[in-house]
C-alpha atoms as a PDB file:
ATOM      1  CA  UNK A   1      75.417 -93.396 126.444  1.00  0.00           C
ATOM      2  CA  UNK A   2      76.363 -91.118 129.187  1.00  0.00           C
ATOM      3  CA  UNK A   3      74.039 -87.496 129.162  1.00  0.00           C
ATOM      4  CA  UNK A   4      75.856 -84.568 130.052  1.00  0.00           C
ATOM      5  CA  UNK A   5      73.826 -83.393 133.491  1.00  0.00           C
ATOM      6  CA  UNK A   6      75.173 -79.699 132.341  1.00  0.00           C
ATOM      7  CA  UNK A   7      72.650 -79.819 129.692  1.00  0.00           C
ATOM      8  CA  UNK A   8      69.543 -80.625 130.776  1.00  0.00           C
ATOM      9  CA  UNK A   9      66.928 -78.230 131.643  1.00  0.00           C
ATOM     10  CA  UNK A  10      67.472 -77.724 135.937  1.00  0.00           C
ATOM     11  CA  UNK A  11      63.650 -78.547 136.106  1.00  0.00           C
ATOM     12  CA  UNK A  12      64.016 -81.499 133.737  1.00  0.00           C
ATOM     13  CA  UNK A  13      67.540 -82.642 135.752  1.00  0.00           C
ATOM     14  CA  UNK A  14      65.337 -82.614 139.331  1.00  0.00           C
ATOM     15  CA  UNK A  15      62.364 -85.131 137.747  1.00  0.00           C
ATOM     16  CA  UNK A  16      65.268 -86.970 136.371  1.00  0.00           C
ATOM     17  CA  UNK A  17      66.867 -87.093 140.275  1.00  0.00           C
ATOM     18  CA  UNK A  18      63.226 -87.405 141.969  1.00  0.00           C
ATOM     19  CA  UNK A  19      61.819 -90.404 139.832  1.00  0.00           C
ATOM     20  CA  UNK A  20      65.547 -91.978 140.546  1.00  0.00           C
ATOM     21  CA  UNK A  21      65.600 -91.156 143.962  1.00  0.00           C
ATOM     22  CA  UNK A  22      61.315 -92.679 144.877  1.00  0.00           C
ATOM     23  CA  UNK A  23      62.569 -95.997 143.073  1.00  0.00           C
ATOM     24  CA  UNK A  24      66.053 -96.868 144.567  1.00  0.00           C
ATOM     25  CA  UNK A  25      64.247 -96.944 147.774  1.00  0.00           C
ATOM     26  CA  UNK A  26      67.669 -96.538 149.381  1.00  0.00           C
ATOM     27  CA  UNK A  27      67.513 -96.996 153.321  1.00  0.00           C
ATOM     28  CA  UNK A  28      69.771 -94.501 155.690  1.00  0.00           C
ATOM     29  CA  UNK A  29      70.005 -96.209 158.362  1.00  0.00           C
ATOM     30  CA  UNK A  30      68.012 -95.053 161.783  1.00  0.00           C
ATOM     31  CA  UNK A  31      67.857 -91.525 160.413  1.00  0.00           C
ATOM     32  CA  UNK A  32      65.167 -90.924 157.125  1.00  0.00           C
ATOM     33  CA  UNK A  33      65.907 -88.226 155.196  1.00  0.00           C
ATOM     34  CA  UNK A  34      63.464 -86.015 153.040  1.00  0.00           C
ATOM     35  CA  UNK A  35      62.800 -85.936 149.253  1.00  0.00           C
ATOM     36  CA  UNK A  36      64.214 -82.854 149.271  1.00  0.00           C
ATOM     37  CA  UNK A  37      67.890 -84.052 150.581  1.00  0.00           C
ATOM     38  CA  UNK A  38      68.872 -87.312 148.759  1.00  0.00           C
ATOM     39  CA  UNK A  39      67.663 -85.303 145.554  1.00  0.00           C
ATOM     40  CA  UNK A  40      70.620 -82.967 146.606  1.00  0.00           C
ATOM     41  CA  UNK A  41      72.998 -85.637 148.023  1.00  0.00           C
ATOM     42  CA  UNK A  42      72.395 -86.980 144.086  1.00  0.00           C
ATOM     43  CA  UNK A  43      72.572 -83.955 142.598  1.00  0.00           C
ATOM     44  CA  UNK A  44      76.017 -83.622 144.678  1.00  0.00           C
ATOM     45  CA  UNK A  45      77.018 -86.544 143.229  1.00  0.00           C
ATOM     46  CA  UNK A  46      76.222 -85.987 139.602  1.00  0.00           C
ATOM     47  CA  UNK A  47      78.527 -82.373 139.899  1.00  0.00           C
ATOM     48  CA  UNK A  48      81.324 -84.379 141.969  1.00  0.00           C
ATOM     49  CA  UNK A  49      80.838 -86.718 138.469  1.00  0.00           C
ATOM     50  CA  UNK A  50      81.164 -90.346 141.082  1.00  0.00           C
ATOM     51  CA  UNK A  51      77.879 -90.601 139.352  1.00  0.00           C
ATOM     52  CA  UNK A  52      76.802 -89.932 135.881  1.00  0.00           C
ATOM     53  CA  UNK A  53      73.346 -89.728 133.830  1.00  0.00           C
ATOM     54  CA  UNK A  54      72.917 -92.352 130.929  1.00  0.00           C
ATOM     55  CA  UNK A  55      70.397 -93.564 128.302  1.00  0.00           C
ATOM     56  CA  UNK A  56      69.436 -96.880 127.543  1.00  0.00           C
ATOM     57  CA  UNK A  57      68.634 -97.317 124.203  1.00  0.00           C
ATOM     58  CA  UNK A  58      67.847-100.639 124.448  1.00  0.00           C
ATOM     59  CA  UNK A  59      64.671 -99.950 127.434  1.00  0.00           C
ATOM     60  CA  UNK A  60      64.524 -96.222 126.568  1.00  0.00           C
ATOM     61  CA  UNK A  61      65.395 -94.728 129.639  1.00  0.00           C
ATOM     62  CA  UNK A  62      67.323 -92.445 131.517  1.00  0.00           C
ATOM     63  CA  UNK A  63      69.163 -94.178 134.634  1.00  0.00           C
ATOM     64  CA  UNK A  64      71.919 -92.509 137.529  1.00  0.00           C
ATOM     65  CA  UNK A  65      74.706 -95.002 138.100  1.00  0.00           C
ATOM     66  CA  UNK A  66      78.120 -95.013 140.286  1.00  0.00           C
ATOM     67  CA  UNK A  67      80.933 -93.300 137.497  1.00  0.00           C
ATOM     68  CA  UNK A  68      83.152 -96.451 137.854  1.00  0.00           C
ATOM     69  CA  UNK A  69      81.184 -98.983 136.662  1.00  0.00           C
ATOM     70  CA  UNK A  70      81.343-100.354 133.415  1.00  0.00           C
ATOM     71  CA  UNK A  71      78.233 -98.522 130.731  1.00  0.00           C
ATOM     72  CA  UNK A  72      78.169-102.195 129.804  1.00  0.00           C
ATOM     73  CA  UNK A  73      77.319-103.664 133.247  1.00  0.00           C
ATOM     74  CA  UNK A  74      80.524-106.404 133.366  1.00  0.00           C
END
């Protein structure tokens, strides 16, 4: 189920984004980005609509996914 990020308290949204960034372990190539920069990048993707917040009822977790990825994983 999609969660409208606009309806979350700003600090809650930041915490969700930080947890996502820290667990993803993404590689940024030769230039490492700070946590704040990574959080800003993900927040910009949410604002632009290229990423969405998704609640998994099965796992009772929130995740951030590309907006064009099917929610059922297929």
